[in-house]
Amino acid sequence: MSEGLIDLDSKSFDSVVSDGKVLVDFWAPWCGPCKMLTPILERVKSELGDKVVIAKVNVDENPDLAAKFSVRSIPYLLVFEGGEVKETLVGLKQQKELIDILS
């Protein structure tokens, strides 16, 4: 997995998003904008450090999670706080926008 980002699946998802602020990126290896987003997420993680967890869910490997959150287009970003979805973002986002949302 990418620097500072964690990989989630159905088994680990709930335990990771249940505490603190967590940004989850739903993605797929064949998705061009998803590939462009990964280095942006790495920079966001580097800047914010332990203030936020940034995780990725491969929708091809975890279709149950994609269905649970009605993911219809990727990249699809969810911001969790205390286990609840607080923000939904669809498409490629820039570093400043993500930092503003997560700060």
C-alpha atoms as a PDB file:
ATOM      1  CA  MET A   1       0.000   0.000   0.000  1.00  0.00           C
ATOM      2  CA  SER A   2       1.027   3.598  -0.508  1.00  0.00           C
ATOM      3  CA  GLU A   3       3.008   5.606   1.990  1.00  0.00           C
ATOM      4  CA  GLY A   4       0.926   6.444   5.069  1.00  0.00           C
ATOM      5  CA  LEU A   5      -2.281   5.013   3.594  1.00  0.00           C
ATOM      6  CA  ILE A   6      -3.900   1.827   4.847  1.00  0.00           C
ATOM      7  CA  ASP A   7      -5.765  -0.805   2.883  1.00  0.00           C
ATOM      8  CA  LEU A   8      -9.210  -1.764   4.165  1.00  0.00           C
ATOM      9  CA  ASP A   9     -11.431  -4.749   3.507  1.00  0.00           C
ATOM     10  CA  SER A  10     -14.725  -5.990   4.937  1.00  0.00           C
ATOM     11  CA  LYS A  11     -13.029  -7.388   8.044  1.00  0.00           C
ATOM     12  CA  SER A  12     -11.017  -4.305   8.979  1.00  0.00           C
ATOM     13  CA  PHE A  13     -13.367  -1.540   7.807  1.00  0.00           C
ATOM     14  CA  ASP A  14     -15.603  -1.018  10.856  1.00  0.00           C
ATOM     15  CA  SER A  15     -12.788  -1.078  13.404  1.00  0.00           C
ATOM     16  CA  VAL A  16     -10.788   1.553  11.489  1.00  0.00           C
ATOM     17  CA  VAL A  17     -13.631   4.007  10.773  1.00  0.00           C
ATOM     18  CA  SER A  18     -15.152   3.751  14.255  1.00  0.00           C
ATOM     19  CA  ASP A  19     -12.634   6.054  15.933  1.00  0.00           C
ATOM     20  CA  GLY A  20     -11.455   9.550  15.081  1.00  0.00           C
ATOM     21  CA  LYS A  21     -11.437  11.195  11.670  1.00  0.00           C
ATOM     22  CA  VAL A  22     -10.994   8.821   8.740  1.00  0.00           C
ATOM     23  CA  LEU A  23     -10.981   9.516   4.999  1.00  0.00           C
ATOM     24  CA  VAL A  24     -11.831   6.426   2.949  1.00  0.00           C
ATOM     25  CA  ASP A  25     -11.045   6.358  -0.769  1.00  0.00           C
ATOM     26  CA  PHE A  26     -13.055   3.831  -2.767  1.00  0.00           C
ATOM     27  CA  TRP A  27     -10.978   3.071  -5.883  1.00  0.00           C
ATOM     28  CA  ALA A  28     -10.027   0.482  -8.520  1.00  0.00           C
ATOM     29  CA  PRO A  29      -6.689  -0.245 -10.221  1.00  0.00           C
ATOM     30  CA  TRP A  30      -8.149   0.438 -13.694  1.00  0.00           C
ATOM     31  CA  CYS A  31      -9.418   3.924 -12.735  1.00  0.00           C
ATOM     32  CA  GLY A  32      -7.234   6.752 -14.101  1.00  0.00           C
ATOM     33  CA  PRO A  33      -8.461   9.489 -11.713  1.00  0.00           C
ATOM     34  CA  CYS A  34      -7.977   7.043  -8.814  1.00  0.00           C
ATOM     35  CA  LYS A  35      -4.307   6.662  -9.763  1.00  0.00           C
ATOM     36  CA  MET A  36      -3.973  10.445  -9.858  1.00  0.00           C
ATOM     37  CA  LEU A  37      -5.587  10.769  -6.422  1.00  0.00           C
ATOM     38  CA  THR A  38      -3.216   8.431  -4.558  1.00  0.00           C
ATOM     39  CA  PRO A  39      -0.188  10.816  -4.482  1.00  0.00           C
ATOM     40  CA  ILE A  40      -2.525  13.641  -3.431  1.00  0.00           C
ATOM     41  CA  LEU A  41      -3.789  11.515  -0.519  1.00  0.00           C
ATOM     42  CA  GLU A  42      -0.187  10.705   0.427  1.00  0.00           C
ATOM     43  CA  ARG A  43       0.631  14.427   0.593  1.00  0.00           C
ATOM     44  CA  VAL A  44      -2.511  15.114   2.653  1.00  0.00           C
ATOM     45  CA  LYS A  45      -1.508  12.354   5.096  1.00  0.00           C
ATOM     46  CA  SER A  46       2.034  13.733   5.276  1.00  0.00           C
ATOM     47  CA  GLU A  47       0.731  17.218   6.067  1.00  0.00           C
ATOM     48  CA  LEU A  48      -1.951  16.211   8.586  1.00  0.00           C
ATOM     49  CA  GLY A  49      -0.097  13.295  10.187  1.00  0.00           C
ATOM     50  CA  ASP A  50      -1.886  11.606  13.074  1.00  0.00           C
ATOM     51  CA  LYS A  51      -4.862  14.000  12.933  1.00  0.00           C
ATOM     52  CA  VAL A  52      -6.468  11.765  10.316  1.00  0.00           C
ATOM     53  CA  VAL A  53      -6.395   8.198   9.051  1.00  0.00           C
ATOM     54  CA  ILE A  54      -6.473   7.841   5.277  1.00  0.00           C
ATOM     55  CA  ALA A  55      -7.575   4.469   3.970  1.00  0.00           C
ATOM     56  CA  LYS A  56      -8.322   2.887   0.601  1.00  0.00           C
ATOM     57  CA  VAL A  57     -10.935   0.296  -0.386  1.00  0.00           C
ATOM     58  CA  ASN A  58     -10.515  -1.538  -3.686  1.00  0.00           C
ATOM     59  CA  VAL A  59     -14.086  -1.802  -5.018  1.00  0.00           C
ATOM     60  CA  ASP A  60     -13.226  -4.782  -7.231  1.00  0.00           C
ATOM     61  CA  GLU A  61     -12.025  -6.771  -4.205  1.00  0.00           C
ATOM     62  CA  ASN A  62     -14.696  -5.447  -1.805  1.00  0.00           C
ATOM     63  CA  PRO A  63     -17.968  -5.130  -3.729  1.00  0.00           C
ATOM     64  CA  ASP A  64     -19.906  -5.564  -0.474  1.00  0.00           C
ATOM     65  CA  LEU A  65     -18.457  -2.337   0.941  1.00  0.00           C
ATOM     66  CA  ALA A  66     -19.045  -0.507  -2.333  1.00  0.00           C
ATOM     67  CA  ALA A  67     -22.682  -1.621  -2.268  1.00  0.00           C
ATOM     68  CA  LYS A  68     -23.097  -0.751   1.423  1.00  0.00           C
ATOM     69  CA  PHE A  69     -22.129   2.875   0.717  1.00  0.00           C
ATOM     70  CA  SER A  70     -23.846   3.075  -2.711  1.00  0.00           C
ATOM     71  CA  VAL A  71     -20.594   3.680  -4.565  1.00  0.00           C
ATOM     72  CA  ARG A  72     -21.551   4.211  -8.200  1.00  0.00           C
ATOM     73  CA  SER A  73     -18.629   6.288  -9.415  1.00  0.00           C
ATOM     74  CA  ILE A  74     -14.973   6.335  -8.380  1.00  0.00           C
ATOM     75  CA  PRO A  75     -12.965   7.843  -6.891  1.00  0.00           C
ATOM     76  CA  TYR A  76     -15.553   8.076  -4.110  1.00  0.00           C
ATOM     77  CA  LEU A  77     -14.399   9.588  -0.827  1.00  0.00           C
ATOM     78  CA  LEU A  78     -16.145   9.321   2.512  1.00  0.00           C
ATOM     79  CA  VAL A  79     -15.113  11.249   5.613  1.00  0.00           C
ATOM     80  CA  PHE A  80     -15.998   9.461   8.841  1.00  0.00           C
ATOM     81  CA  GLU A  81     -15.986  10.935  12.331  1.00  0.00           C
ATOM     82  CA  GLY A  82     -16.692   8.585  15.201  1.00  0.00           C
ATOM     83  CA  GLY A  83     -17.937   5.919  12.812  1.00  0.00           C
ATOM     84  CA  GLU A  84     -20.479   8.149  11.030  1.00  0.00           C
ATOM     85  CA  VAL A  85     -20.253   9.512   7.484  1.00  0.00           C
ATOM     86  CA  LYS A  86     -19.844  13.291   7.707  1.00  0.00           C
ATOM     87  CA  GLU A  87     -18.925  14.120   4.113  1.00  0.00           C
ATOM     88  CA  THR A  88     -19.154  12.504   0.676  1.00  0.00           C
ATOM     89  CA  LEU A  89     -16.964  13.543  -2.248  1.00  0.00           C
ATOM     90  CA  VAL A  90     -17.026  12.122  -5.767  1.00  0.00           C
ATOM     91  CA  GLY A  91     -14.245  12.492  -8.315  1.00  0.00           C
ATOM     92  CA  LEU A  92     -10.677  13.715  -8.235  1.00  0.00           C
ATOM     93  CA  LYS A  93     -10.085  16.258  -5.476  1.00  0.00           C
ATOM     94  CA  GLN A  94      -7.108  18.505  -4.894  1.00  0.00           C
ATOM     95  CA  GLN A  95      -4.864  18.580  -1.842  1.00  0.00           C
ATOM     96  CA  LYS A  96      -6.032  21.968  -0.516  1.00  0.00           C
ATOM     97  CA  GLU A  97      -9.706  20.990  -0.693  1.00  0.00           C
ATOM     98  CA  LEU A  98      -9.070  17.734   1.172  1.00  0.00           C
ATOM     99  CA  ILE A  99      -6.954  19.428   3.841  1.00  0.00           C
ATOM    100  CA  ASP A 100      -9.656  22.078   4.365  1.00  0.00           C
ATOM    101  CA  ILE A 101     -12.281  19.351   4.814  1.00  0.00           C
ATOM    102  CA  LEU A 102     -10.158  17.245   7.157  1.00  0.00           C
ATOM    103  CA  SER A 103      -8.726  20.074   9.309  1.00  0.00           C
END
